Amino acid sequence: SIGVATISSDDSVISVLERADSAL
């Protein structure tokens, strides 16, 4: 199972990882 998240210019590494983890 894979969680994918978008990255925007105002993201932190933590926020992207949290979104990918939620999707996973």
mmCIF file of all heavy atoms, coordinates in Angstrom:
data_MODEL
# 
_entry.id   MODEL 
# 
loop_
_atom_site.group_PDB 
_atom_site.id 
_atom_site.type_symbol 
_atom_site.label_atom_id 
_atom_site.label_alt_id 
_atom_site.label_comp_id 
_atom_site.label_asym_id 
_atom_site.label_entity_id 
_atom_site.label_seq_id 
_atom_site.pdbx_PDB_ins_code 
_atom_site.Cartn_x 
_atom_site.Cartn_y 
_atom_site.Cartn_z 
_atom_site.occupancy 
_atom_site.B_iso_or_equiv 
_atom_site.pdbx_formal_charge 
_atom_site.auth_seq_id 
_atom_site.auth_comp_id 
_atom_site.auth_asym_id 
_atom_site.auth_atom_id 
_atom_site.pdbx_PDB_model_num 
ATOM 1   N N   . SER A 1 1  ? 0.863  -1.167 0.000  1.00 0.00 ? 1  SER A N   1 
ATOM 2   C CA  . SER A 1 1  ? 0.000  0.000  0.000  1.00 0.00 ? 1  SER A CA  1 
ATOM 3   C C   . SER A 1 1  ? 0.903  1.222  0.000  1.00 0.00 ? 1  SER A C   1 
ATOM 4   O O   . SER A 1 1  ? 1.952  1.229  0.655  1.00 0.00 ? 1  SER A O   1 
ATOM 5   C CB  . SER A 1 1  ? -0.890 0.026  1.240  1.00 0.00 ? 1  SER A CB  1 
ATOM 6   O OG  . SER A 1 1  ? -1.783 -1.065 1.208  1.00 0.00 ? 1  SER A OG  1 
ATOM 7   N N   . ILE A 1 2  ? 0.500  2.249  -0.752 1.00 0.00 ? 2  ILE A N   1 
ATOM 8   C CA  . ILE A 1 2  ? 1.337  3.439  -0.913 1.00 0.00 ? 2  ILE A CA  1 
ATOM 9   C C   . ILE A 1 2  ? 0.502  4.684  -0.667 1.00 0.00 ? 2  ILE A C   1 
ATOM 10  O O   . ILE A 1 2  ? -0.618 4.796  -1.158 1.00 0.00 ? 2  ILE A O   1 
ATOM 11  C CB  . ILE A 1 2  ? 1.947  3.489  -2.327 1.00 0.00 ? 2  ILE A CB  1 
ATOM 12  C CG1 . ILE A 1 2  ? 2.784  2.238  -2.605 1.00 0.00 ? 2  ILE A CG1 1 
ATOM 13  C CG2 . ILE A 1 2  ? 2.774  4.758  -2.521 1.00 0.00 ? 2  ILE A CG2 1 
ATOM 14  C CD1 . ILE A 1 2  ? 3.260  2.105  -4.038 1.00 0.00 ? 2  ILE A CD1 1 
ATOM 15  N N   . GLY A 1 3  ? 1.053  5.617  0.077  1.00 0.00 ? 3  GLY A N   1 
ATOM 16  C CA  . GLY A 1 3  ? 0.448  6.928  0.279  1.00 0.00 ? 3  GLY A CA  1 
ATOM 17  C C   . GLY A 1 3  ? 1.254  7.969  -0.467 1.00 0.00 ? 3  GLY A C   1 
ATOM 18  O O   . GLY A 1 3  ? 2.471  8.032  -0.319 1.00 0.00 ? 3  GLY A O   1 
ATOM 19  N N   . VAL A 1 4  ? 0.585  8.768  -1.288 1.00 0.00 ? 4  VAL A N   1 
ATOM 20  C CA  . VAL A 1 4  ? 1.229  9.809  -2.099 1.00 0.00 ? 4  VAL A CA  1 
ATOM 21  C C   . VAL A 1 4  ? 0.672  11.162 -1.670 1.00 0.00 ? 4  VAL A C   1 
ATOM 22  O O   . VAL A 1 4  ? -0.527 11.289 -1.416 1.00 0.00 ? 4  VAL A O   1 
ATOM 23  C CB  . VAL A 1 4  ? 0.954  9.569  -3.601 1.00 0.00 ? 4  VAL A CB  1 
ATOM 24  C CG1 . VAL A 1 4  ? 1.576  10.668 -4.450 1.00 0.00 ? 4  VAL A CG1 1 
ATOM 25  C CG2 . VAL A 1 4  ? 1.449  8.202  -4.037 1.00 0.00 ? 4  VAL A CG2 1 
ATOM 26  N N   . ALA A 1 5  ? 1.519  12.170 -1.599 1.00 0.00 ? 5  ALA A N   1 
ATOM 27  C CA  . ALA A 1 5  ? 1.074  13.517 -1.220 1.00 0.00 ? 5  ALA A CA  1 
ATOM 28  C C   . ALA A 1 5  ? 1.688  14.556 -2.146 1.00 0.00 ? 5  ALA A C   1 
ATOM 29  O O   . ALA A 1 5  ? 2.800  14.376 -2.637 1.00 0.00 ? 5  ALA A O   1 
ATOM 30  C CB  . ALA A 1 5  ? 1.468  13.812 0.223  1.00 0.00 ? 5  ALA A CB  1 
ATOM 31  N N   . THR A 1 6  ? 0.951  15.621 -2.353 1.00 0.00 ? 6  THR A N   1 
ATOM 32  C CA  . THR A 1 6  ? 1.475  16.742 -3.128 1.00 0.00 ? 6  THR A CA  1 
ATOM 33  C C   . THR A 1 6  ? 2.401  17.579 -2.249 1.00 0.00 ? 6  THR A C   1 
ATOM 34  O O   . THR A 1 6  ? 2.310  17.544 -1.026 1.00 0.00 ? 6  THR A O   1 
ATOM 35  C CB  . THR A 1 6  ? 0.344  17.650 -3.642 1.00 0.00 ? 6  THR A CB  1 
ATOM 36  O OG1 . THR A 1 6  ? -0.394 18.139 -2.521 1.00 0.00 ? 6  THR A OG1 1 
ATOM 37  C CG2 . THR A 1 6  ? -0.570 16.925 -4.588 1.00 0.00 ? 6  THR A CG2 1 
ATOM 38  N N   . ILE A 1 7  ? 3.265  18.327 -2.902 1.00 0.00 ? 7  ILE A N   1 
ATOM 39  C CA  . ILE A 1 7  ? 4.162  19.246 -2.193 1.00 0.00 ? 7  ILE A CA  1 
ATOM 40  C C   . ILE A 1 7  ? 3.922  20.636 -2.758 1.00 0.00 ? 7  ILE A C   1 
ATOM 41  O O   . ILE A 1 7  ? 3.961  20.834 -3.969 1.00 0.00 ? 7  ILE A O   1 
ATOM 42  C CB  . ILE A 1 7  ? 5.641  18.859 -2.393 1.00 0.00 ? 7  ILE A CB  1 
ATOM 43  C CG1 . ILE A 1 7  ? 5.904  17.451 -1.863 1.00 0.00 ? 7  ILE A CG1 1 
ATOM 44  C CG2 . ILE A 1 7  ? 6.552  19.873 -1.710 1.00 0.00 ? 7  ILE A CG2 1 
ATOM 45  C CD1 . ILE A 1 7  ? 7.302  16.934 -2.171 1.00 0.00 ? 7  ILE A CD1 1 
ATOM 46  N N   . SER A 1 8  ? 3.677  21.590 -1.862 1.00 0.00 ? 8  SER A N   1 
ATOM 47  C CA  . SER A 1 8  ? 3.540  22.978 -2.300 1.00 0.00 ? 8  SER A CA  1 
ATOM 48  C C   . SER A 1 8  ? 4.625  23.824 -1.650 1.00 0.00 ? 8  SER A C   1 
ATOM 49  O O   . SER A 1 8  ? 5.299  23.388 -0.717 1.00 0.00 ? 8  SER A O   1 
ATOM 50  C CB  . SER A 1 8  ? 2.146  23.524 -1.979 1.00 0.00 ? 8  SER A CB  1 
ATOM 51  O OG  . SER A 1 8  ? 1.922  23.510 -0.593 1.00 0.00 ? 8  SER A OG  1 
ATOM 52  N N   . SER A 1 9  ? 4.788  25.023 -2.125 1.00 0.00 ? 9  SER A N   1 
ATOM 53  C CA  . SER A 1 9  ? 5.905  25.862 -1.681 1.00 0.00 ? 9  SER A CA  1 
ATOM 54  C C   . SER A 1 9  ? 5.846  26.214 -0.197 1.00 0.00 ? 9  SER A C   1 
ATOM 55  O O   . SER A 1 9  ? 6.881  26.469 0.411  1.00 0.00 ? 9  SER A O   1 
ATOM 56  C CB  . SER A 1 9  ? 5.956  27.148 -2.510 1.00 0.00 ? 9  SER A CB  1 
ATOM 57  O OG  . SER A 1 9  ? 4.744  27.860 -2.368 1.00 0.00 ? 9  SER A OG  1 
ATOM 58  N N   . ASP A 1 10 ? 4.671  26.219 0.398  1.00 0.00 ? 10 ASP A N   1 
ATOM 59  C CA  . ASP A 1 10 ? 4.572  26.566 1.820  1.00 0.00 ? 10 ASP A CA  1 
ATOM 60  C C   . ASP A 1 10 ? 4.577  25.346 2.739  1.00 0.00 ? 10 ASP A C   1 
ATOM 61  O O   . ASP A 1 10 ? 4.392  25.473 3.942  1.00 0.00 ? 10 ASP A O   1 
ATOM 62  C CB  . ASP A 1 10 ? 3.327  27.416 2.073  1.00 0.00 ? 10 ASP A CB  1 
ATOM 63  C CG  . ASP A 1 10 ? 2.038  26.707 1.698  1.00 0.00 ? 10 ASP A CG  1 
ATOM 64  O OD1 . ASP A 1 10 ? 2.081  25.787 0.865  1.00 0.00 ? 10 ASP A OD1 1 
ATOM 65  O OD2 . ASP A 1 10 ? 0.983  27.085 2.241  1.00 0.00 ? 10 ASP A OD2 1 
ATOM 66  N N   . ASP A 1 11 ? 4.827  24.157 2.197  1.00 0.00 ? 11 ASP A N   1 
ATOM 67  C CA  . ASP A 1 11 ? 4.871  22.937 2.994  1.00 0.00 ? 11 ASP A CA  1 
ATOM 68  C C   . ASP A 1 11 ? 6.188  22.795 3.743  1.00 0.00 ? 11 ASP A C   1 
ATOM 69  O O   . ASP A 1 11 ? 7.240  23.214 3.270  1.00 0.00 ? 11 ASP A O   1 
ATOM 70  C CB  . ASP A 1 11 ? 4.735  21.699 2.101  1.00 0.00 ? 11 ASP A CB  1 
ATOM 71  C CG  . ASP A 1 11 ? 3.313  21.312 1.843  1.00 0.00 ? 11 ASP A CG  1 
ATOM 72  O OD1 . ASP A 1 11 ? 2.476  21.500 2.736  1.00 0.00 ? 11 ASP A OD1 1 
ATOM 73  O OD2 . ASP A 1 11 ? 3.030  20.816 0.741  1.00 0.00 ? 11 ASP A OD2 1 
ATOM 74  N N   . SER A 1 12 ? 6.101  22.140 4.885  1.00 0.00 ? 12 SER A N   1 
ATOM 75  C CA  . SER A 1 12 ? 7.302  21.680 5.573  1.00 0.00 ? 12 SER A CA  1 
ATOM 76  C C   . SER A 1 12 ? 7.450  20.194 5.263  1.00 0.00 ? 12 SER A C   1 
ATOM 77  O O   . SER A 1 12 ? 6.515  19.551 4.785  1.00 0.00 ? 12 SER A O   1 
ATOM 78  C CB  . SER A 1 12 ? 7.160  21.887 7.087  1.00 0.00 ? 12 SER A CB  1 
ATOM 79  O OG  . SER A 1 12 ? 6.166  21.021 7.611  1.00 0.00 ? 12 SER A OG  1 
ATOM 80  N N   . VAL A 1 13 ? 8.613  19.669 5.534  1.00 0.00 ? 13 VAL A N   1 
ATOM 81  C CA  . VAL A 1 13 ? 8.835  18.238 5.332  1.00 0.00 ? 13 VAL A CA  1 
ATOM 82  C C   . VAL A 1 13 ? 7.839  17.452 6.177  1.00 0.00 ? 13 VAL A C   1 
ATOM 83  O O   . VAL A 1 13 ? 7.237  16.483 5.706  1.00 0.00 ? 13 VAL A O   1 
ATOM 84  C CB  . VAL A 1 13 ? 10.287 17.849 5.693  1.00 0.00 ? 13 VAL A CB  1 
ATOM 85  C CG1 . VAL A 1 13 ? 10.465 16.346 5.693  1.00 0.00 ? 13 VAL A CG1 1 
ATOM 86  C CG2 . VAL A 1 13 ? 11.267 18.503 4.739  1.00 0.00 ? 13 VAL A CG2 1 
ATOM 87  N N   . ILE A 1 14 ? 7.632  17.886 7.395  1.00 0.00 ? 14 ILE A N   1 
ATOM 88  C CA  . ILE A 1 14 ? 6.716  17.188 8.304  1.00 0.00 ? 14 ILE A CA  1 
ATOM 89  C C   . ILE A 1 14 ? 5.297  17.177 7.755  1.00 0.00 ? 14 ILE A C   1 
ATOM 90  O O   . ILE A 1 14 ? 4.616  16.143 7.790  1.00 0.00 ? 14 ILE A O   1 
ATOM 91  C CB  . ILE A 1 14 ? 6.747  17.829 9.713  1.00 0.00 ? 14 ILE A CB  1 
ATOM 92  C CG1 . ILE A 1 14 ? 8.131  17.684 10.340 1.00 0.00 ? 14 ILE A CG1 1 
ATOM 93  C CG2 . ILE A 1 14 ? 5.669  17.231 10.609 1.00 0.00 ? 14 ILE A CG2 1 
ATOM 94  C CD1 . ILE A 1 14 ? 8.580  16.262 10.565 1.00 0.00 ? 14 ILE A CD1 1 
ATOM 95  N N   . SER A 1 15 ? 4.818  18.302 7.223  1.00 0.00 ? 15 SER A N   1 
ATOM 96  C CA  . SER A 1 15 ? 3.431  18.348 6.732  1.00 0.00 ? 15 SER A CA  1 
ATOM 97  C C   . SER A 1 15 ? 3.235  17.420 5.533  1.00 0.00 ? 15 SER A C   1 
ATOM 98  O O   . SER A 1 15 ? 2.197  16.761 5.415  1.00 0.00 ? 15 SER A O   1 
ATOM 99  C CB  . SER A 1 15 ? 3.019  19.784 6.389  1.00 0.00 ? 15 SER A CB  1 
ATOM 100 O OG  . SER A 1 15 ? 3.757  20.288 5.296  1.00 0.00 ? 15 SER A OG  1 
ATOM 101 N N   . VAL A 1 16 ? 4.227  17.341 4.654  1.00 0.00 ? 16 VAL A N   1 
ATOM 102 C CA  . VAL A 1 16 ? 4.126  16.434 3.507  1.00 0.00 ? 16 VAL A CA  1 
ATOM 103 C C   . VAL A 1 16 ? 4.125  14.980 3.979  1.00 0.00 ? 16 VAL A C   1 
ATOM 104 O O   . VAL A 1 16 ? 3.310  14.169 3.532  1.00 0.00 ? 16 VAL A O   1 
ATOM 105 C CB  . VAL A 1 16 ? 5.269  16.670 2.501  1.00 0.00 ? 16 VAL A CB  1 
ATOM 106 C CG1 . VAL A 1 16 ? 5.248  15.633 1.393  1.00 0.00 ? 16 VAL A CG1 1 
ATOM 107 C CG2 . VAL A 1 16 ? 5.181  18.067 1.922  1.00 0.00 ? 16 VAL A CG2 1 
ATOM 108 N N   . LEU A 1 17 ? 5.023  14.656 4.892  1.00 0.00 ? 17 LEU A N   1 
ATOM 109 C CA  . LEU A 1 17 ? 5.086  13.285 5.411  1.00 0.00 ? 17 LEU A CA  1 
ATOM 110 C C   . LEU A 1 17 ? 3.809  12.910 6.157  1.00 0.00 ? 17 LEU A C   1 
ATOM 111 O O   . LEU A 1 17 ? 3.338  11.773 6.057  1.00 0.00 ? 17 LEU A O   1 
ATOM 112 C CB  . LEU A 1 17 ? 6.302  13.111 6.315  1.00 0.00 ? 17 LEU A CB  1 
ATOM 113 C CG  . LEU A 1 17 ? 7.653  13.144 5.609  1.00 0.00 ? 17 LEU A CG  1 
ATOM 114 C CD1 . LEU A 1 17 ? 8.790  13.051 6.618  1.00 0.00 ? 17 LEU A CD1 1 
ATOM 115 C CD2 . LEU A 1 17 ? 7.760  12.038 4.578  1.00 0.00 ? 17 LEU A CD2 1 
ATOM 116 N N   . GLU A 1 18 ? 3.232  13.853 6.879  1.00 0.00 ? 18 GLU A N   1 
ATOM 117 C CA  . GLU A 1 18 ? 1.984  13.578 7.586  1.00 0.00 ? 18 GLU A CA  1 
ATOM 118 C C   . GLU A 1 18 ? 0.853  13.279 6.601  1.00 0.00 ? 18 GLU A C   1 
ATOM 119 O O   . GLU A 1 18 ? 0.054  12.362 6.827  1.00 0.00 ? 18 GLU A O   1 
ATOM 120 C CB  . GLU A 1 18 ? 1.602  14.748 8.487  1.00 0.00 ? 18 GLU A CB  1 
ATOM 121 C CG  . GLU A 1 18 ? 2.441  14.838 9.737  1.00 0.00 ? 18 GLU A CG  1 
ATOM 122 C CD  . GLU A 1 18 ? 2.171  16.085 10.568 1.00 0.00 ? 18 GLU A CD  1 
ATOM 123 O OE1 . GLU A 1 18 ? 1.552  17.048 10.050 1.00 0.00 ? 18 GLU A OE1 1 
ATOM 124 O OE2 . GLU A 1 18 ? 2.583  16.094 11.739 1.00 0.00 ? 18 GLU A OE2 1 
ATOM 125 N N   . ARG A 1 19 ? 0.776  14.032 5.501  1.00 0.00 ? 19 ARG A N   1 
ATOM 126 C CA  . ARG A 1 19 ? -0.264 13.784 4.501  1.00 0.00 ? 19 ARG A CA  1 
ATOM 127 C C   . ARG A 1 19 ? -0.047 12.439 3.803  1.00 0.00 ? 19 ARG A C   1 
ATOM 128 O O   . ARG A 1 19 ? -0.999 11.681 3.587  1.00 0.00 ? 19 ARG A O   1 
ATOM 129 C CB  . ARG A 1 19 ? -0.325 14.920 3.481  1.00 0.00 ? 19 ARG A CB  1 
ATOM 130 C CG  . ARG A 1 19 ? -0.962 16.173 4.038  1.00 0.00 ? 19 ARG A CG  1 
ATOM 131 C CD  . ARG A 1 19 ? -1.399 17.125 2.956  1.00 0.00 ? 19 ARG A CD  1 
ATOM 132 N NE  . ARG A 1 19 ? -0.387 17.429 1.958  1.00 0.00 ? 19 ARG A NE  1 
ATOM 133 C CZ  . ARG A 1 19 ? 0.539  18.375 2.091  1.00 0.00 ? 19 ARG A CZ  1 
ATOM 134 N NH1 . ARG A 1 19 ? 0.605  19.108 3.177  1.00 0.00 ? 19 ARG A NH1 1 
ATOM 135 N NH2 . ARG A 1 19 ? 1.401  18.586 1.129  1.00 0.00 ? 19 ARG A NH2 1 
ATOM 136 N N   . ALA A 1 20 ? 1.190  12.137 3.456  1.00 0.00 ? 20 ALA A N   1 
ATOM 137 C CA  . ALA A 1 20 ? 1.482  10.838 2.825  1.00 0.00 ? 20 ALA A CA  1 
ATOM 138 C C   . ALA A 1 20 ? 1.168  9.699  3.789  1.00 0.00 ? 20 ALA A C   1 
ATOM 139 O O   . ALA A 1 20 ? 0.618  8.672  3.392  1.00 0.00 ? 20 ALA A O   1 
ATOM 140 C CB  . ALA A 1 20 ? 2.935  10.784 2.371  1.00 0.00 ? 20 ALA A CB  1 
ATOM 141 N N   . ASP A 1 21 ? 1.498  9.886  5.061  1.00 0.00 ? 21 ASP A N   1 
ATOM 142 C CA  . ASP A 1 21 ? 1.216  8.865  6.070  1.00 0.00 ? 21 ASP A CA  1 
ATOM 143 C C   . ASP A 1 21 ? -0.289 8.669  6.245  1.00 0.00 ? 21 ASP A C   1 
ATOM 144 O O   . ASP A 1 21 ? -0.769 7.543  6.352  1.00 0.00 ? 21 ASP A O   1 
ATOM 145 C CB  . ASP A 1 21 ? 1.863  9.265  7.395  1.00 0.00 ? 21 ASP A CB  1 
ATOM 146 C CG  . ASP A 1 21 ? 1.836  8.150  8.419  1.00 0.00 ? 21 ASP A CG  1 
ATOM 147 O OD1 . ASP A 1 21 ? 2.301  7.038  8.101  1.00 0.00 ? 21 ASP A OD1 1 
ATOM 148 O OD2 . ASP A 1 21 ? 1.355  8.404  9.550  1.00 0.00 ? 21 ASP A OD2 1 
ATOM 149 N N   . SER A 1 22 ? -1.054 9.748  6.232  1.00 0.00 ? 22 SER A N   1 
ATOM 150 C CA  . SER A 1 22 ? -2.514 9.650  6.329  1.00 0.00 ? 22 SER A CA  1 
ATOM 151 C C   . SER A 1 22 ? -3.080 8.894  5.134  1.00 0.00 ? 22 SER A C   1 
ATOM 152 O O   . SER A 1 22 ? -3.984 8.061  5.286  1.00 0.00 ? 22 SER A O   1 
ATOM 153 C CB  . SER A 1 22 ? -3.146 11.042 6.407  1.00 0.00 ? 22 SER A CB  1 
ATOM 154 O OG  . SER A 1 22 ? -2.793 11.675 7.605  1.00 0.00 ? 22 SER A OG  1 
ATOM 155 N N   . ALA A 1 23 ? -2.565 9.186  3.953  1.00 0.00 ? 23 ALA A N   1 
ATOM 156 C CA  . ALA A 1 23 ? -3.016 8.477  2.750  1.00 0.00 ? 23 ALA A CA  1 
ATOM 157 C C   . ALA A 1 23 ? -2.658 6.997  2.836  1.00 0.00 ? 23 ALA A C   1 
ATOM 158 O O   . ALA A 1 23 ? -3.455 6.130  2.462  1.00 0.00 ? 23 ALA A O   1 
ATOM 159 C CB  . ALA A 1 23 ? -2.406 9.105  1.499  1.00 0.00 ? 23 ALA A CB  1 
ATOM 160 N N   . LEU A 1 24 ? -1.479 6.685  3.346  1.00 0.00 ? 24 LEU A N   1 
ATOM 161 C CA  . LEU A 1 24 ? -1.065 5.295  3.506  1.00 0.00 ? 24 LEU A CA  1 
ATOM 162 C C   . LEU A 1 24 ? -1.996 4.549  4.458  1.00 0.00 ? 24 LEU A C   1 
ATOM 163 O O   . LEU A 1 24 ? -2.438 3.437  4.173  1.00 0.00 ? 24 LEU A O   1 
ATOM 164 C CB  . LEU A 1 24 ? 0.375  5.223  4.021  1.00 0.00 ? 24 LEU A CB  1 
ATOM 165 C CG  . LEU A 1 24 ? 0.880  3.843  4.418  1.00 0.00 ? 24 LEU A CG  1 
ATOM 166 C CD1 . LEU A 1 24 ? 0.849  2.886  3.241  1.00 0.00 ? 24 LEU A CD1 1 
ATOM 167 C CD2 . LEU A 1 24 ? 2.282  3.952  4.998  1.00 0.00 ? 24 LEU A CD2 1 
# 
